[in-house]
Amino acid sequence: MTYNPEPLSSEVAEPTVVNTAVNYHDRVRWGPIFAGIAIALTGQLLLSALGAAIGLSAGATGANAGSVSLAVGIWSIVSLLVSLFLGGWVMAQSCGPMTKKTAILNAAILWGTTLALSSWLLASGISGAVDAVAANAGEIADRVQQQGGVDIPNVDPNQVRDIAGNTATATWSFLLGSLLSLAGAMIGAAVGARKPRVYA
């Protein structure tokens, strides 16, 4: 008598694994933030160089100086917006899955750090130029004395108003560009935030 047992099924149902979005304890991930800062600064440098090259080329061909300066100002805002959007996106992509609130929080820190670092680099460049002038101040003073002094022209009140107006415009443009770049960094982080993956 032959015994033929029923074949047992070798297939075992595997449980579904779900990777949930992680809310880290400290919520601030400095490694991805530094990666985003590097991309934002590099993008800003490249886009600014592109804008300067186009502006100088337009100036060399005899374009209106006012139009060129306006275009350079607009391009500065656009390049800041684009570079911080890319920085926020890279920051979110280089981190593990996270909620959009955490991504936006990290993007705000990225924006603030990038703005402070850019201001420090700009101030260092300006202070370096001032230090170079100060180092040669003695030689400059000697030349002024040899030439019999320096004539300081009278300043027209209209020129003072123009300078004040241009300074106000530059300040408002900086404020607008900074706020737009903050929005760009947050949008980039929200778009780049890695979604939880479901493995069936």
C-alpha atoms as a PDB file:
ATOM      1  CA  MET A   1       0.000   0.000   0.000  1.00  0.00           C
ATOM      2  CA  THR A   2       1.446   3.287  -1.115  1.00  0.00           C
ATOM      3  CA  TYR A   3       0.981   6.407   1.008  1.00  0.00           C
ATOM      4  CA  ASN A   4       0.925   9.690  -0.918  1.00  0.00           C
ATOM      5  CA  PRO A   5       0.645  12.603   1.507  1.00  0.00           C
ATOM      6  CA  GLU A   6      -0.813  15.877   0.374  1.00  0.00           C
ATOM      7  CA  PRO A   7       1.987  18.263  -0.652  1.00  0.00           C
ATOM      8  CA  LEU A   8       2.339  21.092   1.800  1.00  0.00           C
ATOM      9  CA  SER A   9       2.407  24.628   0.425  1.00  0.00           C
ATOM     10  CA  SER A  10       5.905  26.045   0.621  1.00  0.00           C
ATOM     11  CA  GLU A  11       4.703  29.611   0.124  1.00  0.00           C
ATOM     12  CA  VAL A  12       4.560  31.655   3.298  1.00  0.00           C
ATOM     13  CA  ALA A  13       2.775  34.975   3.254  1.00  0.00           C
ATOM     14  CA  GLU A  14       5.290  37.701   4.040  1.00  0.00           C
ATOM     15  CA  PRO A  15       4.102  40.691   6.034  1.00  0.00           C
ATOM     16  CA  THR A  16       3.879  44.038   4.313  1.00  0.00           C
ATOM     17  CA  VAL A  17       6.695  46.361   5.357  1.00  0.00           C
ATOM     18  CA  VAL A  18       5.945  50.070   5.472  1.00  0.00           C
ATOM     19  CA  ASN A  19       8.688  52.660   5.936  1.00  0.00           C
ATOM     20  CA  THR A  20       7.008  55.489   7.751  1.00  0.00           C
ATOM     21  CA  ALA A  21       8.149  59.100   7.640  1.00  0.00           C
ATOM     22  CA  VAL A  22      10.636  59.674  10.413  1.00  0.00           C
ATOM     23  CA  ASN A  23      10.288  62.557  12.834  1.00  0.00           C
ATOM     24  CA  TYR A  24      13.762  62.723  14.359  1.00  0.00           C
ATOM     25  CA  HIS A  25      14.107  63.602  18.012  1.00  0.00           C
ATOM     26  CA  ASP A  26      16.060  66.799  17.356  1.00  0.00           C
ATOM     27  CA  ARG A  27      14.372  67.398  13.940  1.00  0.00           C
ATOM     28  CA  VAL A  28      17.455  69.295  12.711  1.00  0.00           C
ATOM     29  CA  ARG A  29      19.735  67.302  10.406  1.00  0.00           C
ATOM     30  CA  TRP A  30      22.976  69.264   9.987  1.00  0.00           C
ATOM     31  CA  GLY A  31      24.582  66.868   7.507  1.00  0.00           C
ATOM     32  CA  PRO A  32      21.874  67.394   4.853  1.00  0.00           C
ATOM     33  CA  ILE A  33      21.738  71.115   5.727  1.00  0.00           C
ATOM     34  CA  PHE A  34      25.470  71.478   5.008  1.00  0.00           C
ATOM     35  CA  ALA A  35      24.983  69.630   1.720  1.00  0.00           C
ATOM     36  CA  GLY A  36      22.194  72.043   0.795  1.00  0.00           C
ATOM     37  CA  ILE A  37      24.322  75.048   1.774  1.00  0.00           C
ATOM     38  CA  ALA A  38      27.144  73.835  -0.490  1.00  0.00           C
ATOM     39  CA  ILE A  39      24.749  73.482  -3.430  1.00  0.00           C
ATOM     40  CA  ALA A  40      23.068  76.838  -2.716  1.00  0.00           C
ATOM     41  CA  LEU A  41      26.362  78.750  -2.513  1.00  0.00           C
ATOM     42  CA  THR A  42      27.755  77.052  -5.611  1.00  0.00           C
ATOM     43  CA  GLY A  43      24.571  77.706  -7.558  1.00  0.00           C
ATOM     44  CA  GLN A  44      24.543  81.340  -6.435  1.00  0.00           C
ATOM     45  CA  LEU A  45      28.177  81.758  -7.472  1.00  0.00           C
ATOM     46  CA  LEU A  46      27.632  80.251 -10.921  1.00  0.00           C
ATOM     47  CA  LEU A  47      24.393  82.138 -11.599  1.00  0.00           C
ATOM     48  CA  SER A  48      25.920  85.417 -10.409  1.00  0.00           C
ATOM     49  CA  ALA A  49      28.908  84.869 -12.690  1.00  0.00           C
ATOM     50  CA  LEU A  50      26.537  84.196 -15.582  1.00  0.00           C
ATOM     51  CA  GLY A  51      24.566  87.367 -14.830  1.00  0.00           C
ATOM     52  CA  ALA A  52      27.736  89.440 -14.532  1.00  0.00           C
ATOM     53  CA  ALA A  53      29.070  88.083 -17.834  1.00  0.00           C
ATOM     54  CA  ILE A  54      25.810  88.897 -19.627  1.00  0.00           C
ATOM     55  CA  GLY A  55      25.621  92.360 -18.020  1.00  0.00           C
ATOM     56  CA  LEU A  56      29.202  93.231 -18.921  1.00  0.00           C
ATOM     57  CA  SER A  57      28.701  91.974 -22.464  1.00  0.00           C
ATOM     58  CA  ALA A  58      25.567  94.116 -22.796  1.00  0.00           C
ATOM     59  CA  GLY A  59      27.423  97.131 -21.389  1.00  0.00           C
ATOM     60  CA  ALA A  60      30.262  96.615 -23.850  1.00  0.00           C
ATOM     61  CA  THR A  61      27.830  96.708 -26.755  1.00  0.00           C
ATOM     62  CA  GLY A  62      26.531 100.111 -25.665  1.00  0.00           C
ATOM     63  CA  ALA A  63      23.342  99.135 -23.805  1.00  0.00           C
ATOM     64  CA  ASN A  64      21.674 101.662 -21.507  1.00  0.00           C
ATOM     65  CA  ALA A  65      23.370 101.612 -18.084  1.00  0.00           C
ATOM     66  CA  GLY A  66      20.053 101.990 -16.257  1.00  0.00           C
ATOM     67  CA  SER A  67      18.535  99.023 -18.057  1.00  0.00           C
ATOM     68  CA  VAL A  68      21.613  96.903 -17.402  1.00  0.00           C
ATOM     69  CA  SER A  69      21.604  97.725 -13.675  1.00  0.00           C
ATOM     70  CA  LEU A  70      17.875  96.923 -13.439  1.00  0.00           C
ATOM     71  CA  ALA A  71      18.405  93.601 -15.228  1.00  0.00           C
ATOM     72  CA  VAL A  72      21.334  92.758 -12.934  1.00  0.00           C
ATOM     73  CA  GLY A  73      19.197  93.501  -9.864  1.00  0.00           C
ATOM     74  CA  ILE A  74      16.359  91.290 -11.099  1.00  0.00           C
ATOM     75  CA  TRP A  75      18.807  88.530 -12.027  1.00  0.00           C
ATOM     76  CA  SER A  76      20.342  88.676  -8.535  1.00  0.00           C
ATOM     77  CA  ILE A  77      16.939  88.004  -6.977  1.00  0.00           C
ATOM     78  CA  VAL A  78      16.135  85.223  -9.448  1.00  0.00           C
ATOM     79  CA  SER A  79      19.532  83.546  -8.985  1.00  0.00           C
ATOM     80  CA  LEU A  80      19.155  83.650  -5.193  1.00  0.00           C
ATOM     81  CA  LEU A  81      15.681  82.114  -5.468  1.00  0.00           C
ATOM     82  CA  VAL A  82      16.826  79.337  -7.823  1.00  0.00           C
ATOM     83  CA  SER A  83      19.984  78.487  -5.870  1.00  0.00           C
ATOM     84  CA  LEU A  84      18.152  78.217  -2.541  1.00  0.00           C
ATOM     85  CA  PHE A  85      15.384  76.151  -4.148  1.00  0.00           C
ATOM     86  CA  LEU A  86      18.070  73.717  -5.332  1.00  0.00           C
ATOM     87  CA  GLY A  87      19.739  73.809  -1.911  1.00  0.00           C
ATOM     88  CA  GLY A  88      16.454  72.981  -0.161  1.00  0.00           C
ATOM     89  CA  TRP A  89      15.720  70.164  -2.615  1.00  0.00           C
ATOM     90  CA  VAL A  90      19.175  68.606  -2.184  1.00  0.00           C
ATOM     91  CA  MET A  91      18.895  68.948   1.593  1.00  0.00           C
ATOM     92  CA  ALA A  92      15.595  67.054   1.631  1.00  0.00           C
ATOM     93  CA  GLN A  93      16.791  64.414  -0.837  1.00  0.00           C
ATOM     94  CA  SER A  94      19.986  63.697   1.098  1.00  0.00           C
ATOM     95  CA  CYS A  95      18.083  63.014   4.318  1.00  0.00           C
ATOM     96  CA  GLY A  96      15.967  60.035   5.256  1.00  0.00           C
ATOM     97  CA  PRO A  97      12.177  60.092   4.943  1.00  0.00           C
ATOM     98  CA  MET A  98      10.770  63.014   6.898  1.00  0.00           C
ATOM     99  CA  THR A  99       7.541  64.934   7.230  1.00  0.00           C
ATOM    100  CA  LYS A 100       7.105  68.104   5.200  1.00  0.00           C
ATOM    101  CA  LYS A 101       7.054  70.186   8.396  1.00  0.00           C
ATOM    102  CA  THR A 102      10.479  68.874   9.365  1.00  0.00           C
ATOM    103  CA  ALA A 103      11.770  69.457   5.809  1.00  0.00           C
ATOM    104  CA  ILE A 104      10.494  73.055   5.868  1.00  0.00           C
ATOM    105  CA  LEU A 105      12.074  73.649   9.292  1.00  0.00           C
ATOM    106  CA  ASN A 106      15.436  72.397   8.028  1.00  0.00           C
ATOM    107  CA  ALA A 107      15.035  74.551   4.899  1.00  0.00           C
ATOM    108  CA  ALA A 108      14.518  77.650   7.054  1.00  0.00           C
ATOM    109  CA  ILE A 109      17.740  76.860   8.944  1.00  0.00           C
ATOM    110  CA  LEU A 110      19.515  76.288   5.618  1.00  0.00           C
ATOM    111  CA  TRP A 111      18.262  79.674   4.368  1.00  0.00           C
ATOM    112  CA  GLY A 112      19.381  81.523   7.491  1.00  0.00           C
ATOM    113  CA  THR A 113      22.798  79.876   7.534  1.00  0.00           C
ATOM    114  CA  THR A 114      23.337  80.527   3.817  1.00  0.00           C
ATOM    115  CA  LEU A 115      22.322  84.176   4.160  1.00  0.00           C
ATOM    116  CA  ALA A 116      24.589  84.698   7.179  1.00  0.00           C
ATOM    117  CA  LEU A 117      27.500  82.941   5.472  1.00  0.00           C
ATOM    118  CA  SER A 118      27.034  84.947   2.263  1.00  0.00           C
ATOM    119  CA  SER A 119      26.924  88.200   4.248  1.00  0.00           C
ATOM    120  CA  TRP A 120      30.076  87.215   6.119  1.00  0.00           C
ATOM    121  CA  LEU A 121      31.895  86.396   2.868  1.00  0.00           C
ATOM    122  CA  LEU A 122      30.771  89.721   1.363  1.00  0.00           C
ATOM    123  CA  ALA A 123      31.821  91.627   4.489  1.00  0.00           C
ATOM    124  CA  SER A 124      35.179  89.831   4.478  1.00  0.00           C
ATOM    125  CA  GLY A 125      35.767  90.920   0.900  1.00  0.00           C
ATOM    126  CA  ILE A 126      34.843  94.511   1.689  1.00  0.00           C
ATOM    127  CA  SER A 127      36.944  94.543   4.855  1.00  0.00           C
ATOM    128  CA  GLY A 128      39.845  93.085   2.863  1.00  0.00           C
ATOM    129  CA  ALA A 129      39.612  95.967   0.415  1.00  0.00           C
ATOM    130  CA  VAL A 130      39.434  98.464   3.290  1.00  0.00           C
ATOM    131  CA  ASP A 131      42.467  96.847   4.927  1.00  0.00           C
ATOM    132  CA  ALA A 132      44.404  97.133   1.659  1.00  0.00           C
ATOM    133  CA  VAL A 133      43.545 100.833   1.434  1.00  0.00           C
ATOM    134  CA  ALA A 134      44.444 101.370   5.085  1.00  0.00           C
ATOM    135  CA  ALA A 135      47.784  99.636   4.595  1.00  0.00           C
ATOM    136  CA  ASN A 136      48.611 102.143   1.840  1.00  0.00           C
ATOM    137  CA  ALA A 137      47.134 105.129   3.675  1.00  0.00           C
ATOM    138  CA  GLY A 138      50.546 106.630   4.428  1.00  0.00           C
ATOM    139  CA  GLU A 139      51.584 106.562   0.796  1.00  0.00           C
ATOM    140  CA  ILE A 140      48.235 108.036  -0.259  1.00  0.00           C
ATOM    141  CA  ALA A 141      48.581 110.850   2.307  1.00  0.00           C
ATOM    142  CA  ASP A 142      52.074 111.657   1.037  1.00  0.00           C
ATOM    143  CA  ARG A 143      50.838 111.933  -2.527  1.00  0.00           C
ATOM    144  CA  VAL A 144      47.944 114.159  -1.462  1.00  0.00           C
ATOM    145  CA  GLN A 145      50.339 116.508   0.354  1.00  0.00           C
ATOM    146  CA  GLN A 146      52.657 116.629  -2.635  1.00  0.00           C
ATOM    147  CA  GLN A 147      49.790 117.552  -4.941  1.00  0.00           C
ATOM    148  CA  GLY A 148      48.635 120.343  -2.648  1.00  0.00           C
ATOM    149  CA  GLY A 149      45.574 118.735  -1.162  1.00  0.00           C
ATOM    150  CA  VAL A 150      42.310 117.337  -2.515  1.00  0.00           C
ATOM    151  CA  ASP A 151      39.410 119.416  -3.767  1.00  0.00           C
ATOM    152  CA  ILE A 152      36.064 118.179  -2.440  1.00  0.00           C
ATOM    153  CA  PRO A 153      33.331 119.247  -4.822  1.00  0.00           C
ATOM    154  CA  ASN A 154      30.045 120.607  -3.538  1.00  0.00           C
ATOM    155  CA  VAL A 155      27.331 117.970  -3.476  1.00  0.00           C
ATOM    156  CA  ASP A 156      24.088 118.886  -5.175  1.00  0.00           C
ATOM    157  CA  PRO A 157      20.932 118.162  -3.069  1.00  0.00           C
ATOM    158  CA  ASN A 158      19.485 116.339  -6.079  1.00  0.00           C
ATOM    159  CA  GLN A 159      22.458 113.991  -6.018  1.00  0.00           C
ATOM    160  CA  VAL A 160      21.888 113.333  -2.319  1.00  0.00           C
ATOM    161  CA  ARG A 161      18.238 112.473  -3.043  1.00  0.00           C
ATOM    162  CA  ASP A 162      19.283 110.187  -5.902  1.00  0.00           C
ATOM    163  CA  ILE A 163      21.781 108.375  -3.687  1.00  0.00           C
ATOM    164  CA  ALA A 164      19.169 107.986  -0.938  1.00  0.00           C
ATOM    165  CA  GLY A 165      16.614 106.713  -3.453  1.00  0.00           C
ATOM    166  CA  ASN A 166      19.056 104.205  -4.935  1.00  0.00           C
ATOM    167  CA  THR A 167      20.022 102.996  -1.466  1.00  0.00           C
ATOM    168  CA  ALA A 168      16.373 102.573  -0.497  1.00  0.00           C
ATOM    169  CA  THR A 169      15.697 100.633  -3.705  1.00  0.00           C
ATOM    170  CA  ALA A 170      18.672  98.358  -3.064  1.00  0.00           C
ATOM    171  CA  THR A 171      17.534  97.755   0.525  1.00  0.00           C
ATOM    172  CA  TRP A 172      13.978  96.894  -0.520  1.00  0.00           C
ATOM    173  CA  SER A 173      15.326  94.627  -3.258  1.00  0.00           C
ATOM    174  CA  PHE A 174      17.532  92.821  -0.730  1.00  0.00           C
ATOM    175  CA  LEU A 175      14.575  92.335   1.615  1.00  0.00           C
ATOM    176  CA  LEU A 176      12.318  91.071  -1.190  1.00  0.00           C
ATOM    177  CA  GLY A 177      15.020  88.767  -2.526  1.00  0.00           C
ATOM    178  CA  SER A 178      15.695  87.361   0.945  1.00  0.00           C
ATOM    179  CA  LEU A 179      12.020  86.579   1.562  1.00  0.00           C
ATOM    180  CA  LEU A 180      11.614  85.043  -1.898  1.00  0.00           C
ATOM    181  CA  SER A 181      14.716  82.918  -1.350  1.00  0.00           C
ATOM    182  CA  LEU A 182      13.261  81.712   1.977  1.00  0.00           C
ATOM    183  CA  ALA A 183      10.102  80.686   0.134  1.00  0.00           C
ATOM    184  CA  GLY A 184      12.225  79.023  -2.564  1.00  0.00           C
ATOM    185  CA  ALA A 185      14.195  76.991  -0.008  1.00  0.00           C
ATOM    186  CA  MET A 186      10.989  75.861   1.727  1.00  0.00           C
ATOM    187  CA  ILE A 187       9.309  74.905  -1.550  1.00  0.00           C
ATOM    188  CA  GLY A 188      12.416  73.011  -2.666  1.00  0.00           C
ATOM    189  CA  ALA A 189      12.506  71.113   0.636  1.00  0.00           C
ATOM    190  CA  ALA A 190       8.792  70.285   0.456  1.00  0.00           C
ATOM    191  CA  VAL A 191       9.176  69.029  -3.123  1.00  0.00           C
ATOM    192  CA  GLY A 192      12.326  67.051  -2.329  1.00  0.00           C
ATOM    193  CA  ALA A 193      11.086  65.480   0.917  1.00  0.00           C
ATOM    194  CA  ARG A 194      11.305  61.749   0.458  1.00  0.00           C
ATOM    195  CA  LYS A 195       7.969  60.005   0.727  1.00  0.00           C
ATOM    196  CA  PRO A 196       7.511  56.793   2.742  1.00  0.00           C
ATOM    197  CA  ARG A 197       7.855  53.709   0.538  1.00  0.00           C
ATOM    198  CA  VAL A 198       5.523  50.726   0.744  1.00  0.00           C
ATOM    199  CA  TYR A 199       6.960  47.306  -0.062  1.00  0.00           C
ATOM    200  CA  ALA A 200       4.354  44.659  -0.766  1.00  0.00           C
END
